[in-house]
């Protein structure tokens, strides 16, 4: 199934198509945050979680884990929207939002709300023409 007709509709200002693209982005987020993240990344993307004994000499493993997790999210946004720019923005924002949660500046609920608001922002950016989509 291709999202191209919905992306084209969104580019041309069709609100209902925007809701469908948002739904696809939320599905992508759910997949990337749960089955594609796994226990390993979930634990070790947080710098406050001690590494497993065999990783004890790798105290800085958290940036790698957080980066990989954020790249998975970036890939989902890029695939769904066809925009490498939005994929990159997702990478940066996801990294910062998850880092803030690890630092306890936010909690799980605020973290998830911020991620959803990013997706809403992407849809609005496409709808308003602030971001162009390659091939659409």
N, C-alpha and C. Protein backbone atom coordinates (compact mmCIF):
# COMPACT_ATOMS: atom_id res chain seq x y z
N UNK A 1 0.83 -1.17 0.00
CA UNK A 1 0.00 0.00 0.00
C UNK A 1 0.88 1.25 0.00
N UNK A 2 0.53 2.18 -0.83
CA UNK A 2 1.28 3.42 -0.92
C UNK A 2 0.51 4.56 -0.27
N UNK A 3 1.23 5.41 0.41
CA UNK A 3 0.62 6.59 1.01
C UNK A 3 0.62 7.77 0.04
N UNK A 4 1.17 7.58 -1.17
CA UNK A 4 1.27 8.69 -2.12
C UNK A 4 -0.04 9.44 -2.36
N UNK A 5 -1.17 8.74 -2.55
CA UNK A 5 -2.41 9.52 -2.78
C UNK A 5 -2.77 10.41 -1.59
N UNK A 6 -2.51 9.93 -0.39
CA UNK A 6 -2.82 10.71 0.81
C UNK A 6 -1.82 11.86 0.98
N UNK A 7 -0.56 11.60 0.68
CA UNK A 7 0.45 12.66 0.74
C UNK A 7 0.14 13.74 -0.29
N UNK A 8 -0.28 13.32 -1.50
CA UNK A 8 -0.66 14.30 -2.53
C UNK A 8 -1.86 15.11 -2.08
N UNK A 9 -2.85 14.45 -1.51
CA UNK A 9 -4.01 15.16 -1.00
C UNK A 9 -3.63 16.15 0.09
N UNK A 10 -2.74 15.73 0.98
CA UNK A 10 -2.29 16.62 2.05
C UNK A 10 -1.58 17.84 1.48
N UNK A 11 -0.70 17.61 0.50
CA UNK A 11 0.02 18.71 -0.14
C UNK A 11 -0.97 19.70 -0.77
N UNK A 12 -2.10 19.18 -1.25
CA UNK A 12 -3.11 20.03 -1.88
C UNK A 12 -4.17 20.51 -0.88
N UNK A 13 -3.89 20.37 0.40
CA UNK A 13 -4.75 20.97 1.42
C UNK A 13 -5.93 20.13 1.87
N UNK A 14 -5.93 18.85 1.57
CA UNK A 14 -7.04 17.99 1.98
C UNK A 14 -6.86 17.55 3.43
N UNK A 15 -7.70 18.07 4.30
CA UNK A 15 -7.61 17.81 5.74
C UNK A 15 -7.73 16.32 6.06
N UNK A 16 -8.67 15.63 5.43
CA UNK A 16 -8.88 14.20 5.72
C UNK A 16 -7.62 13.40 5.37
N UNK A 17 -6.96 13.75 4.28
CA UNK A 17 -5.72 13.07 3.93
C UNK A 17 -4.64 13.33 4.98
N UNK A 18 -4.66 14.51 5.57
CA UNK A 18 -3.73 14.81 6.66
C UNK A 18 -3.95 13.93 7.87
N UNK A 19 -5.21 13.65 8.16
CA UNK A 19 -5.53 12.76 9.29
C UNK A 19 -5.01 11.35 8.99
N UNK A 20 -5.12 10.91 7.76
CA UNK A 20 -4.63 9.58 7.38
C UNK A 20 -3.10 9.53 7.49
N UNK A 21 -2.43 10.56 7.04
CA UNK A 21 -0.96 10.61 7.15
C UNK A 21 -0.56 10.65 8.62
N UNK A 22 -1.26 11.42 9.43
CA UNK A 22 -0.98 11.46 10.87
C UNK A 22 -1.16 10.07 11.48
N UNK A 23 -2.22 9.38 11.10
CA UNK A 23 -2.47 8.02 11.60
C UNK A 23 -1.31 7.10 11.23
N UNK A 24 -0.82 7.21 9.99
CA UNK A 24 0.33 6.40 9.56
C UNK A 24 1.58 6.74 10.38
N UNK A 25 1.79 8.03 10.65
CA UNK A 25 2.95 8.44 11.46
C UNK A 25 2.84 7.90 12.89
N UNK A 26 1.63 7.88 13.43
CA UNK A 26 1.45 7.36 14.79
C UNK A 26 1.65 5.84 14.82
N UNK A 27 1.24 5.15 13.77
CA UNK A 27 1.51 3.72 13.67
C UNK A 27 3.02 3.49 13.60
N UNK A 28 3.71 4.27 12.78
CA UNK A 28 5.17 4.16 12.69
C UNK A 28 5.84 4.41 14.02
N UNK A 29 5.34 5.40 14.74
CA UNK A 29 5.89 5.71 16.07
C UNK A 29 5.67 4.53 17.02
N UNK A 30 4.49 3.96 17.00
CA UNK A 30 4.19 2.83 17.88
C UNK A 30 5.09 1.64 17.59
N UNK A 31 5.31 1.36 16.31
CA UNK A 31 6.20 0.25 15.94
C UNK A 31 7.64 0.53 16.37
N UNK A 32 8.10 1.76 16.14
CA UNK A 32 9.49 2.10 16.48
C UNK A 32 9.71 2.17 17.99
N UNK A 33 8.69 2.53 18.75
CA UNK A 33 8.85 2.67 20.20
C UNK A 33 8.65 1.36 20.95
N UNK A 34 8.09 0.36 20.32
CA UNK A 34 7.82 -0.88 21.03
C UNK A 34 8.52 -2.08 20.39
N UNK A 35 7.97 -2.75 19.37
CA UNK A 35 8.67 -3.94 18.88
C UNK A 35 10.03 -3.66 18.26
N UNK A 36 10.22 -2.51 17.62
CA UNK A 36 11.52 -2.24 16.99
C UNK A 36 12.56 -1.68 17.96
N UNK A 37 12.13 -1.31 19.15
CA UNK A 37 13.09 -0.80 20.13
C UNK A 37 13.72 -1.95 20.91
N UNK A 38 12.93 -2.83 21.42
CA UNK A 38 13.45 -3.94 22.19
C UNK A 38 13.94 -3.51 23.56
N UNK A 39 14.13 -4.51 24.41
CA UNK A 39 14.53 -4.25 25.80
C UNK A 39 15.92 -3.62 25.89
N UNK A 40 16.84 -4.08 25.05
CA UNK A 40 18.22 -3.59 25.10
C UNK A 40 18.28 -2.07 24.89
N UNK A 41 17.70 -1.59 23.79
CA UNK A 41 17.72 -0.15 23.53
C UNK A 41 16.91 0.61 24.57
N UNK A 42 15.78 0.03 24.99
CA UNK A 42 14.94 0.69 25.99
C UNK A 42 15.72 0.94 27.28
N UNK A 43 16.52 -0.02 27.68
CA UNK A 43 17.29 0.12 28.92
C UNK A 43 18.50 1.03 28.76
N UNK A 44 19.27 0.79 27.71
CA UNK A 44 20.60 1.40 27.63
C UNK A 44 20.65 2.71 26.85
N UNK A 45 19.49 3.21 26.38
CA UNK A 45 19.46 4.56 25.81
C UNK A 45 19.45 5.60 26.94
N UNK A 46 19.23 5.15 28.14
CA UNK A 46 19.20 6.01 29.33
C UNK A 46 20.57 5.95 30.00
N UNK A 47 21.24 7.08 30.11
CA UNK A 47 22.60 7.10 30.68
C UNK A 47 22.64 6.74 32.16
N UNK A 48 21.50 6.70 32.81
CA UNK A 48 21.45 6.38 34.23
C UNK A 48 21.28 4.89 34.50
N UNK A 49 21.07 4.11 33.46
CA UNK A 49 20.97 2.66 33.63
C UNK A 49 22.36 2.05 33.46
N UNK A 50 22.80 1.32 34.47
CA UNK A 50 24.13 0.70 34.42
C UNK A 50 24.17 -0.37 33.35
N UNK A 51 25.25 -0.41 32.59
CA UNK A 51 25.38 -1.46 31.56
C UNK A 51 25.45 -2.84 32.18
N UNK A 52 25.12 -3.83 31.37
CA UNK A 52 25.26 -5.23 31.80
C UNK A 52 26.73 -5.49 32.11
N UNK A 53 27.04 -6.51 32.93
CA UNK A 53 28.44 -6.76 33.32
C UNK A 53 29.40 -6.87 32.13
N UNK A 54 28.98 -7.52 31.04
CA UNK A 54 29.90 -7.67 29.91
C UNK A 54 30.10 -6.35 29.16
N UNK A 55 29.32 -5.32 29.49
CA UNK A 55 29.49 -4.00 28.89
C UNK A 55 30.09 -3.00 29.88
N UNK A 56 30.54 -3.48 31.01
CA UNK A 56 31.01 -2.60 32.09
C UNK A 56 32.13 -1.67 31.63
N UNK A 57 32.91 -2.09 30.66
CA UNK A 57 33.98 -1.23 30.17
C UNK A 57 33.47 -0.23 29.13
N UNK A 58 32.18 -0.24 28.87
CA UNK A 58 31.58 0.64 27.89
C UNK A 58 30.57 1.58 28.56
N UNK A 59 31.00 2.43 29.49
CA UNK A 59 30.05 3.26 30.23
C UNK A 59 29.32 4.28 29.35
N UNK A 60 29.86 4.53 28.16
CA UNK A 60 29.22 5.51 27.29
C UNK A 60 28.39 4.84 26.19
N UNK A 61 27.85 3.69 26.47
CA UNK A 61 27.04 3.00 25.46
C UNK A 61 25.71 3.72 25.21
N UNK A 62 25.23 4.50 26.20
CA UNK A 62 23.92 5.13 26.07
C UNK A 62 23.79 6.03 24.84
N UNK A 63 24.81 6.84 24.45
CA UNK A 63 24.60 7.69 23.27
C UNK A 63 24.37 6.87 22.00
N UNK A 64 25.05 5.72 21.93
CA UNK A 64 24.87 4.86 20.76
C UNK A 64 23.46 4.29 20.73
N UNK A 65 23.00 3.82 21.87
CA UNK A 65 21.66 3.23 21.95
C UNK A 65 20.58 4.28 21.68
N UNK A 66 20.73 5.46 22.24
CA UNK A 66 19.76 6.53 22.01
C UNK A 66 19.78 6.96 20.55
N UNK A 67 20.95 7.01 19.95
CA UNK A 67 21.07 7.39 18.55
C UNK A 67 20.43 6.35 17.63
N UNK A 68 20.69 5.08 17.89
CA UNK A 68 20.08 4.01 17.08
C UNK A 68 18.56 4.06 17.20
N UNK A 69 18.07 4.20 18.41
CA UNK A 69 16.62 4.29 18.63
C UNK A 69 16.04 5.47 17.86
N UNK A 70 16.69 6.61 17.90
CA UNK A 70 16.21 7.80 17.21
C UNK A 70 16.29 7.64 15.69
N UNK A 71 17.30 6.92 15.22
CA UNK A 71 17.41 6.65 13.78
C UNK A 71 16.27 5.74 13.30
N UNK A 72 15.86 4.80 14.12
CA UNK A 72 14.71 3.95 13.75
C UNK A 72 13.47 4.83 13.57
N UNK A 73 13.26 5.76 14.48
CA UNK A 73 12.13 6.67 14.36
C UNK A 73 12.27 7.56 13.13
N UNK A 74 13.48 8.05 12.88
CA UNK A 74 13.72 8.89 11.71
C UNK A 74 13.41 8.12 10.43
N UNK A 75 13.80 6.86 10.40
CA UNK A 75 13.51 6.03 9.22
C UNK A 75 12.02 5.87 8.99
N UNK A 76 11.27 5.69 10.06
CA UNK A 76 9.82 5.55 9.93
C UNK A 76 9.20 6.82 9.35
N UNK A 77 9.62 7.98 9.86
CA UNK A 77 9.09 9.26 9.35
C UNK A 77 9.48 9.46 7.89
N UNK A 78 10.73 9.16 7.56
CA UNK A 78 11.21 9.31 6.18
C UNK A 78 10.42 8.41 5.23
N UNK A 79 10.25 7.15 5.62
CA UNK A 79 9.52 6.20 4.77
C UNK A 79 8.07 6.65 4.58
N UNK A 80 7.43 7.10 5.63
CA UNK A 80 6.01 7.46 5.56
C UNK A 80 5.81 8.76 4.78
N UNK A 81 6.65 9.77 5.04
CA UNK A 81 6.44 11.08 4.42
C UNK A 81 7.22 11.27 3.12
N UNK A 82 8.17 10.43 2.84
CA UNK A 82 9.13 10.53 1.73
C UNK A 82 10.10 11.70 1.89
N UNK A 83 10.13 12.32 3.05
CA UNK A 83 10.97 13.49 3.26
C UNK A 83 12.19 13.17 4.12
N UNK A 84 13.39 13.20 3.53
CA UNK A 84 14.59 13.03 4.35
C UNK A 84 14.75 14.17 5.36
N UNK A 85 14.27 15.35 5.00
CA UNK A 85 14.34 16.49 5.92
C UNK A 85 13.52 16.21 7.18
N UNK A 86 12.27 15.75 7.01
CA UNK A 86 11.45 15.44 8.18
C UNK A 86 12.04 14.26 8.96
N UNK A 87 12.65 13.31 8.26
CA UNK A 87 13.33 12.22 8.95
C UNK A 87 14.45 12.74 9.83
N UNK A 88 15.21 13.69 9.32
CA UNK A 88 16.31 14.28 10.10
C UNK A 88 15.77 15.06 11.30
N UNK A 89 14.71 15.82 11.08
CA UNK A 89 14.10 16.58 12.18
C UNK A 89 13.58 15.62 13.25
N UNK A 90 12.96 14.51 12.80
CA UNK A 90 12.49 13.50 13.75
C UNK A 90 13.66 12.94 14.55
N UNK A 91 14.77 12.65 13.88
CA UNK A 91 15.95 12.14 14.58
C UNK A 91 16.37 13.09 15.70
N UNK A 92 16.53 14.36 15.37
CA UNK A 92 16.98 15.33 16.38
C UNK A 92 15.98 15.47 17.52
N UNK A 93 14.71 15.65 17.18
CA UNK A 93 13.70 15.86 18.22
C UNK A 93 13.51 14.62 19.08
N UNK A 94 13.52 13.45 18.45
CA UNK A 94 13.33 12.23 19.22
C UNK A 94 14.48 12.04 20.20
N UNK A 95 15.70 12.30 19.74
CA UNK A 95 16.88 12.17 20.60
C UNK A 95 16.75 13.09 21.80
N UNK A 96 16.40 14.34 21.55
CA UNK A 96 16.29 15.32 22.64
C UNK A 96 15.15 15.00 23.60
N UNK A 97 14.00 14.60 23.07
CA UNK A 97 12.85 14.28 23.92
C UNK A 97 13.15 13.07 24.80
N UNK A 98 13.76 12.03 24.22
CA UNK A 98 14.07 10.84 25.02
C UNK A 98 15.19 11.12 26.02
N UNK A 99 16.14 11.97 25.66
CA UNK A 99 17.17 12.36 26.62
C UNK A 99 16.53 13.09 27.80
N UNK A 100 15.59 13.99 27.51
CA UNK A 100 14.91 14.73 28.57
C UNK A 100 14.16 13.78 29.50
N UNK A 101 13.56 12.75 28.95
CA UNK A 101 12.86 11.77 29.80
C UNK A 101 13.87 11.01 30.67
N UNK A 102 15.00 10.65 30.10
CA UNK A 102 16.02 9.93 30.87
C UNK A 102 16.55 10.80 32.02
N UNK A 103 16.61 12.10 31.79
CA UNK A 103 17.08 13.02 32.83
C UNK A 103 15.98 13.36 33.84
N UNK A 104 14.80 12.83 33.62
CA UNK A 104 13.62 13.06 34.46
C UNK A 104 13.17 14.52 34.42
N UNK A 105 13.44 15.19 33.29
CA UNK A 105 12.90 16.53 33.07
C UNK A 105 11.45 16.42 32.62
N UNK A 106 11.09 15.26 32.08
CA UNK A 106 9.72 14.96 31.69
C UNK A 106 9.40 13.56 32.21
N UNK A 107 8.16 13.15 32.04
CA UNK A 107 7.79 11.79 32.40
C UNK A 107 7.30 11.08 31.15
N UNK A 108 6.87 9.84 31.31
CA UNK A 108 6.42 9.04 30.17
C UNK A 108 5.30 9.73 29.40
N UNK A 109 4.34 10.28 30.10
CA UNK A 109 3.17 10.89 29.45
C UNK A 109 3.56 12.14 28.66
N UNK A 110 4.40 12.97 29.24
CA UNK A 110 4.85 14.18 28.53
C UNK A 110 5.71 13.77 27.33
N UNK A 111 6.56 12.78 27.52
CA UNK A 111 7.40 12.25 26.44
C UNK A 111 6.53 11.82 25.26
N UNK A 112 5.52 11.04 25.52
CA UNK A 112 4.66 10.56 24.43
C UNK A 112 3.87 11.70 23.80
N UNK A 113 3.41 12.63 24.60
CA UNK A 113 2.69 13.79 24.06
C UNK A 113 3.59 14.60 23.13
N UNK A 114 4.83 14.81 23.54
CA UNK A 114 5.77 15.56 22.69
C UNK A 114 6.02 14.84 21.37
N UNK A 115 6.13 13.52 21.41
CA UNK A 115 6.33 12.76 20.17
C UNK A 115 5.12 12.89 19.25
N UNK A 116 3.93 12.82 19.81
CA UNK A 116 2.71 12.97 19.00
C UNK A 116 2.64 14.38 18.43
N UNK A 117 2.98 15.38 19.23
CA UNK A 117 2.96 16.77 18.74
C UNK A 117 3.95 16.98 17.60
N UNK A 118 5.08 16.27 17.64
CA UNK A 118 6.02 16.34 16.52
C UNK A 118 5.35 15.84 15.24
N UNK A 119 4.64 14.73 15.34
CA UNK A 119 3.96 14.18 14.16
C UNK A 119 2.88 15.13 13.65
N UNK A 120 2.15 15.73 14.58
CA UNK A 120 1.15 16.73 14.19
C UNK A 120 1.84 17.90 13.48
N UNK A 121 2.97 18.31 14.01
CA UNK A 121 3.74 19.39 13.39
C UNK A 121 4.20 19.04 11.99
N UNK A 122 4.61 17.80 11.77
CA UNK A 122 5.04 17.38 10.44
C UNK A 122 3.88 17.48 9.45
N UNK A 123 2.71 17.01 9.87
CA UNK A 123 1.53 17.06 9.00
C UNK A 123 1.18 18.51 8.68
N UNK A 124 1.21 19.37 9.67
CA UNK A 124 0.91 20.79 9.45
C UNK A 124 1.94 21.41 8.51
N UNK A 125 3.21 21.08 8.70
CA UNK A 125 4.27 21.62 7.84
C UNK A 125 4.08 21.21 6.38
N UNK A 126 3.67 19.98 6.15
CA UNK A 126 3.39 19.52 4.79
C UNK A 126 2.16 20.24 4.24
N UNK A 127 1.11 20.27 5.03
CA UNK A 127 -0.17 20.88 4.64
C UNK A 127 0.00 22.35 4.27
N UNK A 128 0.82 23.07 5.05
CA UNK A 128 1.03 24.49 4.80
C UNK A 128 2.08 24.77 3.72
N UNK A 129 2.73 23.72 3.24
CA UNK A 129 3.75 23.91 2.20
C UNK A 129 5.09 24.35 2.72
N UNK A 130 5.30 24.24 4.03
CA UNK A 130 6.59 24.62 4.61
C UNK A 130 7.64 23.56 4.33
N UNK A 131 7.20 22.34 4.05
CA UNK A 131 8.09 21.23 3.70
C UNK A 131 7.57 20.65 2.39
N UNK A 132 8.46 20.50 1.43
CA UNK A 132 8.07 19.86 0.18
C UNK A 132 8.45 18.38 0.24
N UNK A 133 7.65 17.58 -0.42
CA UNK A 133 7.89 16.14 -0.43
C UNK A 133 8.43 15.72 -1.79
N UNK A 134 9.58 15.06 -1.81
CA UNK A 134 10.14 14.61 -3.09
C UNK A 134 9.18 13.67 -3.81
N UNK A 135 8.97 13.94 -5.07
CA UNK A 135 8.14 13.05 -5.89
C UNK A 135 6.65 13.21 -5.68
N UNK A 136 6.25 14.14 -4.84
CA UNK A 136 4.80 14.32 -4.58
C UNK A 136 4.37 15.64 -5.20
